[in-house]
Amino acid sequence: MATKTPVNQKTIYHSFADLYEKLMNNEITVEKAEIAGGLLAGMNRTYALEIKRAEVENMLSHGSVRTELRIIETKNFDQIPLDEDSKD
């Protein structure tokens, strides 16, 4: 059975911290840490692009329409499976 955890800016930050701790304690390889870090950075870029989208939308409407910053973490993909059987 897979465990699921919510993914938002706070958990992404904590995931980076956990990854750093595992790397410093030699619990995972540098290669695996680099791959995981790249994936977490991709999630962070997605959030940054959502902020940019809202800024552009606001600029194009000249501030006449209230621009919503969508909460992308709640769009039916706000949980990722974690493999409990993984050794690393």
PDB file of N, CA and C in Angstrom:
ATOM      1  N   MET A   1       0.837  -1.181   0.000  1.00  0.00           N
ATOM      2  CA  MET A   1       0.000   0.000   0.000  1.00  0.00           C
ATOM      3  C   MET A   1       0.886   1.251   0.000  1.00  0.00           C
ATOM      4  N   ALA A   2       0.513   2.233  -0.782  1.00  0.00           N
ATOM      5  CA  ALA A   2       1.289   3.463  -0.882  1.00  0.00           C
ATOM      6  C   ALA A   2       0.769   4.497   0.111  1.00  0.00           C
ATOM      7  N   THR A   3       1.687   5.227   0.700  1.00  0.00           N
ATOM      8  CA  THR A   3       1.339   6.326   1.600  1.00  0.00           C
ATOM      9  C   THR A   3       1.253   7.588   0.779  1.00  0.00           C
ATOM     10  N   LYS A   4       0.294   8.449   1.078  1.00  0.00           N
ATOM     11  CA  LYS A   4       0.167   9.720   0.367  1.00  0.00           C
ATOM     12  C   LYS A   4       0.396  10.858   1.338  1.00  0.00           C
ATOM     13  N   THR A   5       1.008  11.903   0.844  1.00  0.00           N
ATOM     14  CA  THR A   5       1.285  13.062   1.672  1.00  0.00           C
ATOM     15  C   THR A   5       0.871  14.318   0.920  1.00  0.00           C
ATOM     16  N   PRO A   6       0.318  15.320   1.580  1.00  0.00           N
ATOM     17  CA  PRO A   6      -0.045  16.545   0.868  1.00  0.00           C
ATOM     18  C   PRO A   6       1.204  17.261   0.359  1.00  0.00           C
ATOM     19  N   VAL A   7       1.070  17.879  -0.782  1.00  0.00           N
ATOM     20  CA  VAL A   7       2.200  18.584  -1.380  1.00  0.00           C
ATOM     21  C   VAL A   7       1.800  20.043  -1.557  1.00  0.00           C
ATOM     22  N   ASN A   8       2.465  20.921  -0.827  1.00  0.00           N
ATOM     23  CA  ASN A   8       2.277  22.357  -0.979  1.00  0.00           C
ATOM     24  C   ASN A   8       3.625  23.007  -0.711  1.00  0.00           C
ATOM     25  N   GLN A   9       3.672  24.321  -0.727  1.00  0.00           N
ATOM     26  CA  GLN A   9       4.959  24.997  -0.566  1.00  0.00           C
ATOM     27  C   GLN A   9       5.649  24.612   0.741  1.00  0.00           C
ATOM     28  N   LYS A  10       4.888  24.489   1.799  1.00  0.00           N
ATOM     29  CA  LYS A  10       5.488  24.139   3.092  1.00  0.00           C
ATOM     30  C   LYS A  10       6.077  22.722   3.059  1.00  0.00           C
ATOM     31  N   THR A  11       5.344  21.769   2.496  1.00  0.00           N
ATOM     32  CA  THR A  11       5.866  20.403   2.468  1.00  0.00           C
ATOM     33  C   THR A  11       7.010  20.261   1.486  1.00  0.00           C
ATOM     34  N   ILE A  12       7.005  21.052   0.410  1.00  0.00           N
ATOM     35  CA  ILE A  12       8.143  21.029  -0.513  1.00  0.00           C
ATOM     36  C   ILE A  12       9.395  21.515   0.219  1.00  0.00           C
ATOM     37  N   TYR A  13       9.272  22.596   0.986  1.00  0.00           N
ATOM     38  CA  TYR A  13      10.400  23.115   1.757  1.00  0.00           C
ATOM     39  C   TYR A  13      10.910  22.054   2.731  1.00  0.00           C
ATOM     40  N   HIS A  14       9.993  21.403   3.438  1.00  0.00           N
ATOM     41  CA  HIS A  14      10.395  20.370   4.396  1.00  0.00           C
ATOM     42  C   HIS A  14      11.006  19.152   3.686  1.00  0.00           C
ATOM     43  N   SER A  15      10.515  18.864   2.482  1.00  0.00           N
ATOM     44  CA  SER A  15      11.092  17.756   1.719  1.00  0.00           C
ATOM     45  C   SER A  15      12.536  18.043   1.352  1.00  0.00           C
ATOM     46  N   PHE A  16      12.824  19.300   0.956  1.00  0.00           N
ATOM     47  CA  PHE A  16      14.214  19.677   0.682  1.00  0.00           C
ATOM     48  C   PHE A  16      15.066  19.510   1.945  1.00  0.00           C
ATOM     49  N   ALA A  17      14.534  19.922   3.093  1.00  0.00           N
ATOM     50  CA  ALA A  17      15.276  19.810   4.353  1.00  0.00           C
ATOM     51  C   ALA A  17      15.516  18.335   4.699  1.00  0.00           C
ATOM     52  N   ASP A  18      14.496  17.496   4.523  1.00  0.00           N
ATOM     53  CA  ASP A  18      14.650  16.062   4.796  1.00  0.00           C
ATOM     54  C   ASP A  18      15.673  15.435   3.852  1.00  0.00           C
ATOM     55  N   LEU A  19      15.636  15.848   2.592  1.00  0.00           N
ATOM     56  CA  LEU A  19      16.576  15.345   1.602  1.00  0.00           C
ATOM     57  C   LEU A  19      18.005  15.714   1.985  1.00  0.00           C
ATOM     58  N   TYR A  20      18.194  16.969   2.392  1.00  0.00           N
ATOM     59  CA  TYR A  20      19.519  17.432   2.826  1.00  0.00           C
ATOM     60  C   TYR A  20      19.998  16.616   4.033  1.00  0.00           C
ATOM     61  N   GLU A  21      19.115  16.395   4.992  1.00  0.00           N
ATOM     62  CA  GLU A  21      19.487  15.634   6.188  1.00  0.00           C
ATOM     63  C   GLU A  21      19.901  14.209   5.821  1.00  0.00           C
ATOM     64  N   LYS A  22      19.139  13.557   4.945  1.00  0.00           N
ATOM     65  CA  LYS A  22      19.475  12.194   4.532  1.00  0.00           C
ATOM     66  C   LYS A  22      20.810  12.157   3.798  1.00  0.00           C
ATOM     67  N   LEU A  23      21.049  13.157   2.975  1.00  0.00           N
ATOM     68  CA  LEU A  23      22.318  13.210   2.248  1.00  0.00           C
ATOM     69  C   LEU A  23      23.488  13.394   3.207  1.00  0.00           C
ATOM     70  N   MET A  24      23.355  14.286   4.166  1.00  0.00           N
ATOM     71  CA  MET A  24      24.431  14.550   5.123  1.00  0.00           C
ATOM     72  C   MET A  24      24.675  13.354   6.049  1.00  0.00           C
ATOM     73  N   ASN A  25      23.653  12.535   6.283  1.00  0.00           N
ATOM     74  CA  ASN A  25      23.792  11.347   7.129  1.00  0.00           C
ATOM     75  C   ASN A  25      24.132  10.099   6.317  1.00  0.00           C
ATOM     76  N   ASN A  26      24.458  10.298   5.033  1.00  0.00           N
ATOM     77  CA  ASN A  26      24.794   9.191   4.130  1.00  0.00           C
ATOM     78  C   ASN A  26      23.706   8.126   4.057  1.00  0.00           C
ATOM     79  N   GLU A  27      22.447   8.552   4.159  1.00  0.00           N
ATOM     80  CA  GLU A  27      21.322   7.619   4.044  1.00  0.00           C
ATOM     81  C   GLU A  27      20.905   7.420   2.593  1.00  0.00           C
ATOM     82  N   ILE A  28      21.260   8.366   1.716  1.00  0.00           N
ATOM     83  CA  ILE A  28      20.972   8.243   0.287  1.00  0.00           C
ATOM     84  C   ILE A  28      22.212   8.672  -0.487  1.00  0.00           C
ATOM     85  N   THR A  29      22.248   8.259  -1.749  1.00  0.00           N
ATOM     86  CA  THR A  29      23.383   8.615  -2.595  1.00  0.00           C
ATOM     87  C   THR A  29      23.219  10.041  -3.126  1.00  0.00           C
ATOM     88  N   VAL A  30      24.344  10.624  -3.538  1.00  0.00           N
ATOM     89  CA  VAL A  30      24.316  11.966  -4.133  1.00  0.00           C
ATOM     90  C   VAL A  30      23.456  11.945  -5.392  1.00  0.00           C
ATOM     91  N   GLU A  31      23.583  10.894  -6.187  1.00  0.00           N
ATOM     92  CA  GLU A  31      22.798  10.787  -7.419  1.00  0.00           C
ATOM     93  C   GLU A  31      21.299  10.813  -7.121  1.00  0.00           C
ATOM     94  N   LYS A  32      20.883  10.057  -6.145  1.00  0.00           N
ATOM     95  CA  LYS A  32      19.461  10.015  -5.798  1.00  0.00           C
ATOM     96  C   LYS A  32      18.999  11.363  -5.233  1.00  0.00           C
ATOM     97  N   ALA A  33      19.840  12.014  -4.454  1.00  0.00           N
ATOM     98  CA  ALA A  33      19.501  13.331  -3.906  1.00  0.00           C
ATOM     99  C   ALA A  33      19.364  14.362  -5.024  1.00  0.00           C
ATOM    100  N   GLU A  34      20.247  14.292  -6.027  1.00  0.00           N
ATOM    101  CA  GLU A  34      20.167  15.222  -7.154  1.00  0.00           C
ATOM    102  C   GLU A  34      18.878  15.026  -7.941  1.00  0.00           C
ATOM    103  N   ILE A  35      18.493  13.804  -8.156  1.00  0.00           N
ATOM    104  CA  ILE A  35      17.254  13.509  -8.887  1.00  0.00           C
ATOM    105  C   ILE A  35      16.049  14.018  -8.098  1.00  0.00           C
ATOM    106  N   ALA A  36      16.012  13.699  -6.814  1.00  0.00           N
ATOM    107  CA  ALA A  36      14.891  14.141  -5.976  1.00  0.00           C
ATOM    108  C   ALA A  36      14.844  15.662  -5.884  1.00  0.00           C
ATOM    109  N   GLY A  37      15.997  16.288  -5.744  1.00  0.00           N
ATOM    110  CA  GLY A  37      16.052  17.746  -5.676  1.00  0.00           C
ATOM    111  C   GLY A  37      15.545  18.388  -6.956  1.00  0.00           C
ATOM    112  N   GLY A  38      15.885  17.792  -8.090  1.00  0.00           N
ATOM    113  CA  GLY A  38      15.398  18.298  -9.373  1.00  0.00           C
ATOM    114  C   GLY A  38      13.891  18.202  -9.490  1.00  0.00           C
ATOM    115  N   LEU A  39      13.329  17.108  -9.015  1.00  0.00           N
ATOM    116  CA  LEU A  39      11.877  16.938  -9.053  1.00  0.00           C
ATOM    117  C   LEU A  39      11.185  17.942  -8.133  1.00  0.00           C
ATOM    118  N   LEU A  40      11.735  18.141  -6.940  1.00  0.00           N
ATOM    119  CA  LEU A  40      11.159  19.132  -6.019  1.00  0.00           C
ATOM    120  C   LEU A  40      11.270  20.536  -6.601  1.00  0.00           C
ATOM    121  N   ALA A  41      12.379  20.825  -7.270  1.00  0.00           N
ATOM    122  CA  ALA A  41      12.551  22.143  -7.892  1.00  0.00           C
ATOM    123  C   ALA A  41      11.525  22.351  -9.001  1.00  0.00           C
ATOM    124  N   GLY A  42      11.195  21.300  -9.728  1.00  0.00           N
ATOM    125  CA  GLY A  42      10.158  21.393 -10.752  1.00  0.00           C
ATOM    126  C   GLY A  42       8.808  21.749 -10.158  1.00  0.00           C
ATOM    127  N   MET A  43       8.505  21.172  -9.024  1.00  0.00           N
ATOM    128  CA  MET A  43       7.249  21.505  -8.337  1.00  0.00           C
ATOM    129  C   MET A  43       7.262  22.970  -7.911  1.00  0.00           C
ATOM    130  N   ASN A  44       8.380  23.437  -7.456  1.00  0.00           N
ATOM    131  CA  ASN A  44       8.509  24.828  -7.020  1.00  0.00           C
ATOM    132  C   ASN A  44       8.374  25.784  -8.210  1.00  0.00           C
ATOM    133  N   ARG A  45       8.946  25.405  -9.366  1.00  0.00           N
ATOM    134  CA  ARG A  45       8.817  26.230 -10.575  1.00  0.00           C
ATOM    135  C   ARG A  45       7.360  26.339 -11.010  1.00  0.00           C
ATOM    136  N   THR A  46       6.607  25.258 -10.876  1.00  0.00           N
ATOM    137  CA  THR A  46       5.189  25.283 -11.231  1.00  0.00           C
ATOM    138  C   THR A  46       4.450  26.322 -10.405  1.00  0.00           C
ATOM    139  N   TYR A  47       4.756  26.386  -9.126  1.00  0.00           N
ATOM    140  CA  TYR A  47       4.136  27.381  -8.251  1.00  0.00           C
ATOM    141  C   TYR A  47       4.535  28.793  -8.666  1.00  0.00           C
ATOM    142  N   ALA A  48       5.804  28.990  -8.999  1.00  0.00           N
ATOM    143  CA  ALA A  48       6.281  30.313  -9.431  1.00  0.00           C
ATOM    144  C   ALA A  48       5.597  30.741 -10.719  1.00  0.00           C
ATOM    145  N   LEU A  49       5.369  29.801 -11.639  1.00  0.00           N
ATOM    146  CA  LEU A  49       4.681  30.119 -12.882  1.00  0.00           C
ATOM    147  C   LEU A  49       3.222  30.490 -12.638  1.00  0.00           C
ATOM    148  N   GLU A  50       2.592  29.886 -11.658  1.00  0.00           N
ATOM    149  CA  GLU A  50       1.215  30.258 -11.312  1.00  0.00           C
ATOM    150  C   GLU A  50       1.166  31.690 -10.797  1.00  0.00           C
ATOM    151  N   ILE A  51       2.146  32.079 -10.001  1.00  0.00           N
ATOM    152  CA  ILE A  51       2.212  33.464  -9.516  1.00  0.00           C
ATOM    153  C   ILE A  51       2.408  34.413 -10.699  1.00  0.00           C
ATOM    154  N   LYS A  52       3.280  34.042 -11.619  1.00  0.00           N
ATOM    155  CA  LYS A  52       3.521  34.868 -12.805  1.00  0.00           C
ATOM    156  C   LYS A  52       2.256  34.974 -13.655  1.00  0.00           C
ATOM    157  N   ARG A  53       1.503  33.882 -13.806  1.00  0.00           N
ATOM    158  CA  ARG A  53       0.253  33.909 -14.557  1.00  0.00           C
ATOM    159  C   ARG A  53      -0.718  34.918 -13.964  1.00  0.00           C
ATOM    160  N   ALA A  54      -0.847  34.911 -12.641  1.00  0.00           N
ATOM    161  CA  ALA A  54      -1.749  35.842 -11.970  1.00  0.00           C
ATOM    162  C   ALA A  54      -1.280  37.289 -12.169  1.00  0.00           C
ATOM    163  N   GLU A  55       0.023  37.519 -12.130  1.00  0.00           N
ATOM    164  CA  GLU A  55       0.558  38.873 -12.346  1.00  0.00           C
ATOM    165  C   GLU A  55       0.243  39.374 -13.748  1.00  0.00           C
ATOM    166  N   VAL A  56       0.448  38.515 -14.750  1.00  0.00           N
ATOM    167  CA  VAL A  56       0.178  38.903 -16.137  1.00  0.00           C
ATOM    168  C   VAL A  56      -1.315  39.147 -16.336  1.00  0.00           C
ATOM    169  N   GLU A  57      -2.147  38.276 -15.795  1.00  0.00           N
ATOM    170  CA  GLU A  57      -3.594  38.453 -15.907  1.00  0.00           C
ATOM    171  C   GLU A  57      -4.026  39.781 -15.287  1.00  0.00           C
ATOM    172  N   ASN A  58      -3.466  40.109 -14.142  1.00  0.00           N
ATOM    173  CA  ASN A  58      -3.777  41.374 -13.474  1.00  0.00           C
ATOM    174  C   ASN A  58      -3.297  42.555 -14.322  1.00  0.00           C
ATOM    175  N   MET A  59      -2.110  42.443 -14.897  1.00  0.00           N
ATOM    176  CA  MET A  59      -1.568  43.513 -15.723  1.00  0.00           C
ATOM    177  C   MET A  59      -2.435  43.725 -16.972  1.00  0.00           C
ATOM    178  N   LEU A  60      -2.869  42.636 -17.612  1.00  0.00           N
ATOM    179  CA  LEU A  60      -3.676  42.745 -18.826  1.00  0.00           C
ATOM    180  C   LEU A  60      -5.058  43.338 -18.554  1.00  0.00           C
ATOM    181  N   SER A  61      -5.571  43.121 -17.364  1.00  0.00           N
ATOM    182  CA  SER A  61      -6.882  43.693 -17.028  1.00  0.00           C
ATOM    183  C   SER A  61      -6.744  45.086 -16.417  1.00  0.00           C
ATOM    184  N   HIS A  62      -5.506  45.577 -16.320  1.00  0.00           N
ATOM    185  CA  HIS A  62      -5.202  46.891 -15.729  1.00  0.00           C
ATOM    186  C   HIS A  62      -5.760  47.017 -14.314  1.00  0.00           C
ATOM    187  N   GLY A  63      -5.816  45.898 -13.619  1.00  0.00           N
ATOM    188  CA  GLY A  63      -6.284  45.903 -12.234  1.00  0.00           C
ATOM    189  C   GLY A  63      -7.780  46.100 -12.092  1.00  0.00           C
ATOM    190  N   SER A  64      -8.522  46.079 -13.217  1.00  0.00           N
ATOM    191  CA  SER A  64      -9.967  46.309 -13.143  1.00  0.00           C
ATOM    192  C   SER A  64     -10.737  45.062 -12.719  1.00  0.00           C
ATOM    193  N   VAL A  65     -10.110  43.917 -12.838  1.00  0.00           N
ATOM    194  CA  VAL A  65     -10.739  42.658 -12.443  1.00  0.00           C
ATOM    195  C   VAL A  65      -9.878  42.023 -11.364  1.00  0.00           C
ATOM    196  N   ARG A  66     -10.521  41.517 -10.330  1.00  0.00           N
ATOM    197  CA  ARG A  66      -9.765  40.863  -9.255  1.00  0.00           C
ATOM    198  C   ARG A  66      -9.176  39.556  -9.776  1.00  0.00           C
ATOM    199  N   THR A  67      -7.878  39.437  -9.707  1.00  0.00           N
ATOM    200  CA  THR A  67      -7.186  38.248 -10.187  1.00  0.00           C
ATOM    201  C   THR A  67      -7.035  37.254  -9.049  1.00  0.00           C
ATOM    202  N   GLU A  68      -7.454  36.037  -9.308  1.00  0.00           N
ATOM    203  CA  GLU A  68      -7.348  34.974  -8.315  1.00  0.00           C
ATOM    204  C   GLU A  68      -6.024  34.236  -8.483  1.00  0.00           C
ATOM    205  N   LEU A  69      -5.344  34.023  -7.390  1.00  0.00           N
ATOM    206  CA  LEU A  69      -4.160  33.156  -7.403  1.00  0.00           C
ATOM    207  C   LEU A  69      -4.680  31.759  -7.095  1.00  0.00           C
ATOM    208  N   ARG A  70      -4.665  30.917  -8.108  1.00  0.00           N
ATOM    209  CA  ARG A  70      -5.205  29.571  -7.933  1.00  0.00           C
ATOM    210  C   ARG A  70      -4.330  28.789  -6.965  1.00  0.00           C
ATOM    211  N   ILE A  71      -4.947  27.989  -6.142  1.00  0.00           N
ATOM    212  CA  ILE A  71      -4.207  27.137  -5.216  1.00  0.00           C
ATOM    213  C   ILE A  71      -3.991  25.806  -5.938  1.00  0.00           C
ATOM    214  N   ILE A  72      -2.856  25.705  -6.616  1.00  0.00           N
ATOM    215  CA  ILE A  72      -2.623  24.543  -7.471  1.00  0.00           C
ATOM    216  C   ILE A  72      -2.473  23.249  -6.670  1.00  0.00           C
ATOM    217  N   GLU A  73      -2.171  23.385  -5.385  1.00  0.00           N
ATOM    218  CA  GLU A  73      -2.003  22.185  -4.567  1.00  0.00           C
ATOM    219  C   GLU A  73      -3.317  21.446  -4.341  1.00  0.00           C
ATOM    220  N   THR A  74      -4.451  22.072  -4.624  1.00  0.00           N
ATOM    221  CA  THR A  74      -5.742  21.435  -4.363  1.00  0.00           C
ATOM    222  C   THR A  74      -6.468  21.024  -5.634  1.00  0.00           C
ATOM    223  N   LYS A  75      -5.766  20.886  -6.722  1.00  0.00           N
ATOM    224  CA  LYS A  75      -6.380  20.567  -8.010  1.00  0.00           C
ATOM    225  C   LYS A  75      -6.366  19.069  -8.306  1.00  0.00           C
ATOM    226  N   ASN A  76      -6.802  18.239  -7.402  1.00  0.00           N
ATOM    227  CA  ASN A  76      -6.898  16.789  -7.576  1.00  0.00           C
ATOM    228  C   ASN A  76      -5.557  16.093  -7.789  1.00  0.00           C
ATOM    229  N   PHE A  77      -4.463  16.822  -7.685  1.00  0.00           N
ATOM    230  CA  PHE A  77      -3.158  16.179  -7.733  1.00  0.00           C
ATOM    231  C   PHE A  77      -2.333  16.659  -6.549  1.00  0.00           C
ATOM    232  N   ASP A  78      -3.036  16.917  -5.453  1.00  0.00           N
ATOM    233  CA  ASP A  78      -2.352  17.460  -4.290  1.00  0.00           C
ATOM    234  C   ASP A  78      -1.772  16.377  -3.395  1.00  0.00           C
ATOM    235  N   GLN A  79      -1.782  15.142  -3.858  1.00  0.00           N
ATOM    236  CA  GLN A  79      -1.145  14.082  -3.088  1.00  0.00           C
ATOM    237  C   GLN A  79      -0.305  13.248  -4.034  1.00  0.00           C
ATOM    238  N   ILE A  80       0.881  12.898  -3.575  1.00  0.00           N
ATOM    239  CA  ILE A  80       1.741  12.043  -4.380  1.00  0.00           C
ATOM    240  C   ILE A  80       1.984  10.743  -3.619  1.00  0.00           C
ATOM    241  N   PRO A  81       2.023   9.619  -4.328  1.00  0.00           N
ATOM    242  CA  PRO A  81       2.279   8.357  -3.635  1.00  0.00           C
ATOM    243  C   PRO A  81       3.745   8.238  -3.242  1.00  0.00           C
ATOM    244  N   LEU A  82       3.973   7.688  -2.085  1.00  0.00           N
ATOM    245  CA  LEU A  82       5.329   7.409  -1.613  1.00  0.00           C
ATOM    246  C   LEU A  82       5.454   5.916  -1.461  1.00  0.00           C
ATOM    247  N   ASP A  83       6.484   5.344  -2.061  1.00  0.00           N
ATOM    248  CA  ASP A  83       6.683   3.906  -2.004  1.00  0.00           C
ATOM    249  C   ASP A  83       7.259   3.525  -0.653  1.00  0.00           C
ATOM    250  N   GLU A  84       6.486   2.796   0.145  1.00  0.00           N
ATOM    251  CA  GLU A  84       6.943   2.389   1.485  1.00  0.00           C
ATOM    252  C   GLU A  84       7.983   1.296   1.426  1.00  0.00           C
ATOM    253  N   ASP A  85       8.052   0.571   0.303  1.00  0.00           N
ATOM    254  CA  ASP A  85       8.977  -0.562   0.194  1.00  0.00           C
ATOM    255  C   ASP A  85      10.364  -0.149  -0.255  1.00  0.00           C
ATOM    256  N   SER A  86      10.541   1.134  -0.561  1.00  0.00           N
ATOM    257  CA  SER A  86      11.839   1.613  -1.053  1.00  0.00           C
ATOM    258  C   SER A  86      12.910   1.495   0.039  1.00  0.00           C
ATOM    259  N   LYS A  87      14.079   1.052  -0.342  1.00  0.00           N
ATOM    260  CA  LYS A  87      15.172   0.876   0.605  1.00  0.00           C
ATOM    261  C   LYS A  87      16.000   2.142   0.777  1.00  0.00           C
ATOM    262  N   ASP A  88      16.062   3.042  -0.256  1.00  0.00           N
ATOM    263  CA  ASP A  88      16.870   4.269  -0.187  1.00  0.00           C
ATOM    264  C   ASP A  88      16.007   5.463   0.045  1.00  0.00           C
TER     265      ASP A  88
END
